[in-house]
Amino acid sequence: MRFGLVVEYDGTDFHGSQLQSNARTVQGEIEHALFNIFHTTIRIYLASRTDSGVHARGQVGRFNHETDMPADRIRIALNHYMKDDVRIRYAQIVKDGYNGFDPRGDASSRTYVYTFNDARSAPALNRQYVAHVRKKLDVEAMNIACRSLLGSHDFAAFAGPGTPIDASTRRQVKSAMTIRDGDNIKFKITANAYLHQQIRRVAGVLYDVGCGNAPHEVICKLLDSARRGGATQVMPASGLCLESIAYDGSGLFGLPVIPTSDSFDISVN
């Protein structure tokens, strides 16, 4: 039996999502809670790998286990055994077997939001979810630069050191925009997949454009160069959040629907 989970977490005190033997991670937290529930070691697989300090509202995972416990009771039990900075928002049974639900491979797109804050003073509230900058940002110029990201491009210039040398660096961007909300400027991007540090390096270039330190054409030049390490500025992890992951034929919270008699409560306990 295979279960799909939608996971929300504050990444501030996590050393990323991926399991590590000597550090607290999102995967490790969930697997520890699963052990407390079922008294056996269960591996969970996550759709997207997030770095230390990166947050998520819509991370997706799956695990296999034979049980009569309803999916929503598993959600409640997991939240009971985990600390408050990680919550299971939703759980359901998903397709099992050889062609069963694969949260990473089956994803059609992933949406991230990077949040800048250009208030005169750094905020005291919600400070762990934004990157405070010292200059007022020109959102219109940043939006013009975002247009260059749309479509299929080689993002080698935005690849971080965790990107394997022999890996393909071509990605398909479906949408990209910046929106001002008071002192917060949100850079929202949806693509089929991302390279290591790609969004934080794009955000670094957008920051330069917004400050007037670089023309909006700089995005095009970096894409055309396809040179590793071209975009050197990596914005802080605190501003980045994995918003959602989409699947073809998605149901509630993006998970693919299969017929089931299980009932689900979408509240977070």
Protein backbone atom coordinates (compact mmCIF):
# COMPACT_ATOMS: atom_id res chain seq x y z
CA MET A 1 0.00 0.00 0.00
CA ARG A 2 1.42 3.39 -0.99
CA PHE A 3 0.60 6.69 0.72
CA GLY A 4 1.13 10.19 -0.63
CA LEU A 5 1.79 13.13 1.69
CA VAL A 6 1.75 16.90 1.27
CA VAL A 7 4.30 18.37 3.68
CA GLU A 8 4.78 21.89 5.04
CA TYR A 9 7.88 22.95 6.96
CA ASP A 10 9.83 25.89 8.28
CA GLY A 11 13.34 25.13 7.04
CA THR A 12 15.14 27.39 9.51
CA ASP A 13 16.29 24.60 11.84
CA PHE A 14 16.58 21.86 9.22
CA HIS A 15 19.75 20.90 7.37
CA GLY A 16 17.72 20.45 4.22
CA SER A 17 15.09 17.90 3.26
CA GLN A 18 17.40 14.99 2.40
CA LEU A 19 18.29 12.40 5.04
CA GLN A 20 21.63 12.91 6.82
CA SER A 21 23.08 10.72 9.54
CA ASN A 22 24.40 13.57 11.71
CA ALA A 23 21.90 16.41 11.20
CA ARG A 24 18.20 17.13 11.54
CA THR A 25 16.37 16.90 8.21
CA VAL A 26 12.76 16.83 7.03
CA GLN A 27 13.06 13.26 5.75
CA GLY A 28 14.61 12.13 9.01
CA GLU A 29 11.88 13.81 11.07
CA ILE A 30 9.08 12.10 9.12
CA GLU A 31 10.80 8.71 9.14
CA HIS A 32 11.29 8.94 12.90
CA ALA A 33 7.58 9.68 13.33
CA LEU A 34 6.66 6.75 11.06
CA PHE A 35 8.80 4.48 13.23
CA ASN A 36 6.93 5.66 16.33
CA ILE A 37 3.60 4.84 14.68
CA PHE A 38 4.38 1.52 12.99
CA HIS A 39 7.43 0.33 14.99
CA THR A 40 9.40 -0.48 11.88
CA THR A 41 11.78 1.43 9.64
CA ILE A 42 9.96 3.01 6.70
CA ARG A 43 11.67 5.03 3.97
CA ILE A 44 9.94 8.15 2.62
CA TYR A 45 10.75 9.60 -0.80
CA LEU A 46 10.36 13.34 -1.42
CA ALA A 47 9.61 15.05 -4.72
CA SER A 48 12.08 17.93 -4.41
CA ARG A 49 15.31 18.33 -2.54
CA THR A 50 15.52 21.58 -0.58
CA ASP A 51 18.70 23.02 0.94
CA SER A 52 19.30 24.05 4.54
CA GLY A 53 17.05 26.95 5.51
CA VAL A 54 14.64 26.58 2.57
CA HIS A 55 10.94 26.34 3.46
CA ALA A 56 8.01 24.45 1.91
CA ARG A 57 4.23 24.70 1.80
CA GLY A 58 3.70 21.97 -0.75
CA GLN A 59 6.50 19.40 -0.60
CA VAL A 60 5.24 15.96 -1.66
CA GLY A 61 6.38 12.57 -0.41
CA ARG A 62 5.35 8.94 -0.48
CA PHE A 63 5.98 5.80 1.55
CA ASN A 64 4.92 2.16 1.37
CA HIS A 65 3.42 0.24 4.26
CA GLU A 66 0.67 -2.35 4.70
CA THR A 67 -1.78 -1.08 7.31
CA ASP A 68 -5.49 -0.78 8.04
CA MET A 69 -4.99 2.72 9.44
CA PRO A 70 -6.86 5.31 7.32
CA ALA A 71 -4.72 7.89 5.56
CA ASP A 72 -6.03 10.80 7.56
CA ARG A 73 -5.36 9.01 10.86
CA ILE A 74 -1.77 8.60 9.66
CA ARG A 75 -1.63 12.36 9.04
CA ILE A 76 -2.84 13.09 12.56
CA ALA A 77 -0.43 10.56 14.10
CA LEU A 78 2.55 11.91 12.16
CA ASN A 79 1.80 15.46 13.27
CA HIS A 80 1.52 14.23 16.87
CA TYR A 81 5.05 12.76 16.82
CA MET A 82 6.75 15.64 14.99
CA LYS A 83 7.84 19.08 16.15
CA ASP A 84 5.76 22.10 15.21
CA ASP A 85 8.05 23.25 12.38
CA VAL A 86 6.96 20.37 10.12
CA ARG A 87 3.34 19.37 9.42
CA ILE A 88 1.61 16.88 7.16
CA ARG A 89 -1.11 18.92 5.47
CA TYR A 90 -2.76 16.05 3.64
CA ALA A 91 -2.46 12.29 3.18
CA GLN A 92 -4.10 9.84 0.80
CA ILE A 93 -3.64 6.41 -0.72
CA VAL A 94 -1.98 6.62 -4.14
CA LYS A 95 -1.34 4.13 -6.90
CA ASP A 96 1.04 1.33 -5.88
CA GLY A 97 3.07 -1.19 -7.86
CA TYR A 98 5.64 -0.96 -10.65
CA ASN A 99 3.92 2.03 -12.26
CA GLY A 100 2.84 3.48 -8.93
CA PHE A 101 2.97 7.09 -7.82
CA ASP A 102 6.50 8.53 -7.97
CA PRO A 103 6.50 12.04 -6.43
CA ARG A 104 9.71 13.07 -8.18
CA GLY A 105 9.38 11.39 -11.57
CA ASP A 106 5.65 12.02 -12.02
CA ALA A 107 5.76 15.75 -11.25
CA SER A 108 4.81 17.94 -14.21
CA SER A 109 5.95 21.20 -12.59
CA ARG A 110 7.22 22.73 -9.38
CA THR A 111 6.48 26.26 -8.16
CA TYR A 112 8.80 28.21 -5.88
CA VAL A 113 8.54 31.72 -4.45
CA TYR A 114 11.52 33.82 -3.45
CA THR A 115 10.63 36.76 -1.18
CA PHE A 116 12.73 39.92 -0.92
CA ASN A 117 12.00 42.57 1.70
CA ASP A 118 13.14 46.14 1.02
CA ALA A 119 11.77 47.89 4.11
CA ARG A 120 14.00 50.61 5.59
CA SER A 121 14.71 48.30 8.54
CA ALA A 122 14.82 44.52 8.53
CA PRO A 123 11.50 43.10 9.77
CA ALA A 124 11.24 41.58 13.24
CA LEU A 125 8.17 39.50 12.36
CA ASN A 126 8.46 36.76 9.72
CA ARG A 127 12.13 37.64 9.29
CA GLN A 128 13.05 33.97 8.74
CA TYR A 129 10.90 33.85 5.57
CA VAL A 130 12.36 36.79 3.64
CA ALA A 131 15.70 38.11 2.44
CA HIS A 132 16.06 41.70 3.57
CA VAL A 133 17.84 43.98 1.08
CA ARG A 134 19.11 47.51 1.66
CA LYS A 135 17.94 49.13 -1.57
CA LYS A 136 14.42 49.78 -2.86
CA LEU A 137 13.76 47.36 -5.70
CA ASP A 138 12.34 48.27 -9.11
CA VAL A 139 9.74 45.52 -9.58
CA GLU A 140 8.90 46.56 -13.15
CA ALA A 141 12.54 46.12 -14.23
CA MET A 142 12.67 42.76 -12.46
CA ASN A 143 9.51 41.67 -14.27
CA ILE A 144 10.97 42.59 -17.65
CA ALA A 145 14.02 40.48 -16.80
CA CYS A 146 11.77 37.57 -15.77
CA ARG A 147 10.37 37.34 -19.31
CA SER A 148 13.76 36.12 -20.53
CA LEU A 149 13.40 33.04 -18.30
CA LEU A 150 10.29 31.75 -20.07
CA GLY A 151 10.61 28.71 -22.29
CA SER A 152 13.32 26.08 -22.64
CA HIS A 153 16.85 27.27 -21.86
CA ASP A 154 20.25 26.02 -20.80
CA PHE A 155 20.57 27.24 -17.20
CA ALA A 156 24.22 26.22 -16.80
CA ALA A 157 25.13 29.77 -15.73
CA PHE A 158 22.76 29.39 -12.75
CA ALA A 159 23.89 25.91 -11.70
CA GLY A 160 25.25 25.49 -8.18
CA PRO A 161 28.15 23.25 -7.15
CA GLY A 162 25.74 20.41 -6.36
CA THR A 163 24.88 20.05 -10.06
CA PRO A 164 26.82 17.08 -11.51
CA ILE A 165 29.23 18.02 -14.30
CA ASP A 166 27.64 15.56 -16.72
CA ALA A 167 24.02 16.48 -15.87
CA SER A 168 21.74 18.19 -18.38
CA THR A 169 21.26 21.85 -17.47
CA ARG A 170 18.30 22.52 -19.77
CA ARG A 171 15.03 23.34 -18.02
CA GLN A 172 11.55 24.45 -19.13
CA VAL A 173 10.15 27.52 -17.36
CA LYS A 174 6.37 27.85 -17.64
CA SER A 175 5.93 31.14 -15.78
CA ALA A 176 8.06 33.71 -13.96
CA MET A 177 7.04 37.04 -12.43
CA THR A 178 7.67 39.46 -9.58
CA ILE A 179 4.89 41.05 -7.50
CA ARG A 180 5.15 43.72 -4.82
CA ASP A 181 3.11 43.28 -1.64
CA GLY A 182 3.97 46.20 0.62
CA ASP A 183 7.65 45.87 1.53
CA ASN A 184 7.78 42.31 0.21
CA ILE A 185 8.64 41.51 -3.40
CA LYS A 186 7.80 37.97 -4.44
CA PHE A 187 9.57 36.29 -7.34
CA LYS A 188 7.39 33.35 -8.39
CA ILE A 189 8.60 30.74 -10.85
CA THR A 190 7.12 27.52 -12.20
CA ALA A 191 9.26 25.04 -14.15
CA ASN A 192 9.49 21.33 -14.87
CA ALA A 193 12.56 21.02 -12.63
CA TYR A 194 15.50 23.01 -11.25
CA LEU A 195 19.25 22.81 -10.85
CA HIS A 196 21.01 23.09 -7.50
CA GLN A 197 20.75 26.74 -6.30
CA GLN A 198 19.18 27.77 -9.62
CA ILE A 199 16.40 29.89 -8.13
CA ARG A 200 18.62 31.59 -5.53
CA ARG A 201 21.14 32.48 -8.27
CA VAL A 202 18.38 33.81 -10.54
CA ALA A 203 17.12 35.80 -7.54
CA GLY A 204 20.62 37.24 -7.12
CA VAL A 205 20.59 38.53 -10.69
CA LEU A 206 17.06 39.90 -10.28
CA TYR A 207 18.25 41.73 -7.17
CA ASP A 208 20.98 43.42 -9.23
CA VAL A 209 18.41 44.37 -11.88
CA GLY A 210 16.01 45.68 -9.24
CA CYS A 211 18.77 47.79 -7.66
CA GLY A 212 19.78 49.27 -11.01
CA ASN A 213 23.17 47.56 -10.86
CA ALA A 214 22.51 45.49 -14.00
CA PRO A 215 20.30 45.86 -17.11
CA HIS A 216 17.38 43.47 -17.57
CA GLU A 217 19.20 41.99 -20.60
CA VAL A 218 21.69 40.35 -18.21
CA ILE A 219 19.42 37.28 -17.89
CA CYS A 220 19.55 36.71 -21.66
CA LYS A 221 23.33 37.08 -21.72
CA LEU A 222 23.80 34.56 -18.92
CA LEU A 223 21.45 32.06 -20.57
CA ASP A 224 23.19 32.46 -23.92
CA SER A 225 26.61 32.00 -22.34
CA ALA A 226 25.64 28.65 -20.78
CA ARG A 227 28.84 29.00 -18.73
CA ARG A 228 28.98 27.27 -15.37
CA GLY A 229 29.27 29.72 -12.51
CA GLY A 230 28.24 32.75 -14.56
CA ALA A 231 25.71 33.88 -11.96
CA THR A 232 27.80 34.07 -8.81
CA GLN A 233 25.48 35.73 -6.28
CA VAL A 234 23.46 33.22 -4.23
CA MET A 235 20.64 34.85 -2.26
CA PRO A 236 19.97 33.64 1.32
CA ALA A 237 17.99 30.42 1.72
CA SER A 238 15.53 32.08 4.11
CA GLY A 239 13.69 33.80 1.26
CA LEU A 240 12.94 30.62 -0.68
CA CYS A 241 9.81 28.49 -0.34
CA LEU A 242 8.60 25.46 -2.31
CA GLU A 243 4.96 26.44 -2.87
CA SER A 244 3.50 23.50 -4.76
CA ILE A 245 4.14 20.52 -7.03
CA ALA A 246 1.74 19.66 -9.85
CA TYR A 247 0.88 16.26 -11.32
CA ASP A 248 -1.16 15.43 -14.39
CA GLY A 249 -4.74 14.67 -13.36
CA SER A 250 -4.15 16.27 -9.97
CA GLY A 251 -6.68 16.15 -7.17
CA LEU A 252 -6.63 17.94 -3.84
CA PHE A 253 -3.23 19.53 -3.09
CA GLY A 254 -1.92 18.17 -6.38
CA LEU A 255 -1.86 14.47 -5.54
CA PRO A 256 -3.31 12.18 -8.22
CA VAL A 257 -6.76 10.87 -7.32
CA ILE A 258 -7.60 7.17 -7.13
CA PRO A 259 -10.93 5.68 -6.05
CA THR A 260 -10.97 5.08 -2.29
CA SER A 261 -13.45 4.90 0.55
CA ASP A 262 -10.99 6.80 2.78
CA SER A 263 -12.14 10.23 3.93
CA PHE A 264 -9.70 13.08 4.38
CA ASP A 265 -9.57 16.15 6.59
CA ILE A 266 -7.41 18.88 5.05
CA SER A 267 -6.93 20.77 8.31
CA VAL A 268 -3.48 20.85 9.88
CA ASN A 269 -3.37 19.51 13.45
